[in-house]
């Protein structure tokens, strides 16, 4: 049965994976959160500047 073989091989491959530790996960989450906040701030600033520009024209 192909499905049984697939499940067994998948399980065997997952046992070979080196999962990240708690500290690695926490530092990665911090990087993502800080990056997201910076991008949101930059996009918000661009939005405000464009809004002022459009209001000045019209």
C-alpha atoms as a PDB file:
ATOM      1  CA  UNK A   1       0.000   0.000   0.000  1.00  0.00           C
ATOM      2  CA  UNK A   2       1.468   3.282  -1.123  1.00  0.00           C
ATOM      3  CA  UNK A   3      -0.167   5.386   1.551  1.00  0.00           C
ATOM      4  CA  UNK A   4       1.276   3.288   4.382  1.00  0.00           C
ATOM      5  CA  UNK A   5       4.741   3.507   2.833  1.00  0.00           C
ATOM      6  CA  UNK A   6       4.358   7.256   2.419  1.00  0.00           C
ATOM      7  CA  UNK A   7       3.372   7.731   6.066  1.00  0.00           C
ATOM      8  CA  UNK A   8       6.265   5.566   7.306  1.00  0.00           C
ATOM      9  CA  UNK A   9       8.801   7.407   5.142  1.00  0.00           C
ATOM     10  CA  UNK A  10       7.402  10.789   6.171  1.00  0.00           C
ATOM     11  CA  UNK A  11       7.668   9.855   9.838  1.00  0.00           C
ATOM     12  CA  UNK A  12      11.242   8.650   9.316  1.00  0.00           C
ATOM     13  CA  UNK A  13      12.166  11.965   7.654  1.00  0.00           C
ATOM     14  CA  UNK A  14      10.577  13.996  10.441  1.00  0.00           C
ATOM     15  CA  UNK A  15      12.721  12.153  12.978  1.00  0.00           C
ATOM     16  CA  UNK A  16      15.824  13.458  11.140  1.00  0.00           C
ATOM     17  CA  UNK A  17      14.762  17.098  11.442  1.00  0.00           C
ATOM     18  CA  UNK A  18      16.689  19.252  13.881  1.00  0.00           C
ATOM     19  CA  UNK A  19      13.970  21.410  15.405  1.00  0.00           C
ATOM     20  CA  UNK A  20      14.911  24.915  16.604  1.00  0.00           C
ATOM     21  CA  UNK A  21      15.264  25.503  20.298  1.00  0.00           C
ATOM     22  CA  UNK A  22      13.141  27.829  22.385  1.00  0.00           C
ATOM     23  CA  UNK A  23      15.721  30.631  22.258  1.00  0.00           C
ATOM     24  CA  UNK A  24      15.950  30.424  18.465  1.00  0.00           C
ATOM     25  CA  UNK A  25      12.181  30.616  18.099  1.00  0.00           C
ATOM     26  CA  UNK A  26      11.909  33.571  20.478  1.00  0.00           C
ATOM     27  CA  UNK A  27      14.645  35.519  18.692  1.00  0.00           C
ATOM     28  CA  UNK A  28      13.039  34.813  15.309  1.00  0.00           C
ATOM     29  CA  UNK A  29       9.664  36.017  16.579  1.00  0.00           C
ATOM     30  CA  UNK A  30      11.277  39.215  17.868  1.00  0.00           C
ATOM     31  CA  UNK A  31      12.861  39.873  14.471  1.00  0.00           C
ATOM     32  CA  UNK A  32       9.526  39.323  12.714  1.00  0.00           C
ATOM     33  CA  UNK A  33       7.604  41.573  15.114  1.00  0.00           C
ATOM     34  CA  UNK A  34      10.160  44.395  14.915  1.00  0.00           C
ATOM     35  CA  UNK A  35      10.357  44.140  11.118  1.00  0.00           C
ATOM     36  CA  UNK A  36       6.579  44.188  10.853  1.00  0.00           C
ATOM     37  CA  UNK A  37       6.348  47.260  13.091  1.00  0.00           C
ATOM     38  CA  UNK A  38       8.983  49.106  11.038  1.00  0.00           C
ATOM     39  CA  UNK A  39       7.305  48.300   7.724  1.00  0.00           C
ATOM     40  CA  UNK A  40       3.907  49.319   9.131  1.00  0.00           C
ATOM     41  CA  UNK A  41       5.342  52.638  10.346  1.00  0.00           C
ATOM     42  CA  UNK A  42       6.974  53.365   6.992  1.00  0.00           C
ATOM     43  CA  UNK A  43       3.817  52.516   5.054  1.00  0.00           C
ATOM     44  CA  UNK A  44       1.740  54.611   7.455  1.00  0.00           C
ATOM     45  CA  UNK A  45       4.080  57.563   6.953  1.00  0.00           C
ATOM     46  CA  UNK A  46       3.886  57.190   3.168  1.00  0.00           C
ATOM     47  CA  UNK A  47       0.093  57.037   3.400  1.00  0.00           C
ATOM     48  CA  UNK A  48      -0.071  60.217   5.469  1.00  0.00           C
ATOM     49  CA  UNK A  49       2.292  62.050   3.120  1.00  0.00           C
ATOM     50  CA  UNK A  50       0.301  61.015   0.073  1.00  0.00           C
ATOM     51  CA  UNK A  51      -2.928  62.042   1.790  1.00  0.00           C
ATOM     52  CA  UNK A  52      -1.528  65.510   2.521  1.00  0.00           C
ATOM     53  CA  UNK A  53      -0.271  65.770  -1.056  1.00  0.00           C
ATOM     54  CA  UNK A  54      -3.646  64.850  -2.532  1.00  0.00           C
ATOM     55  CA  UNK A  55      -5.475  67.261  -0.199  1.00  0.00           C
ATOM     56  CA  UNK A  56      -3.070  70.039  -1.214  1.00  0.00           C
ATOM     57  CA  UNK A  57      -3.776  69.426  -4.899  1.00  0.00           C
ATOM     58  CA  UNK A  58      -7.553  69.141  -4.594  1.00  0.00           C
END
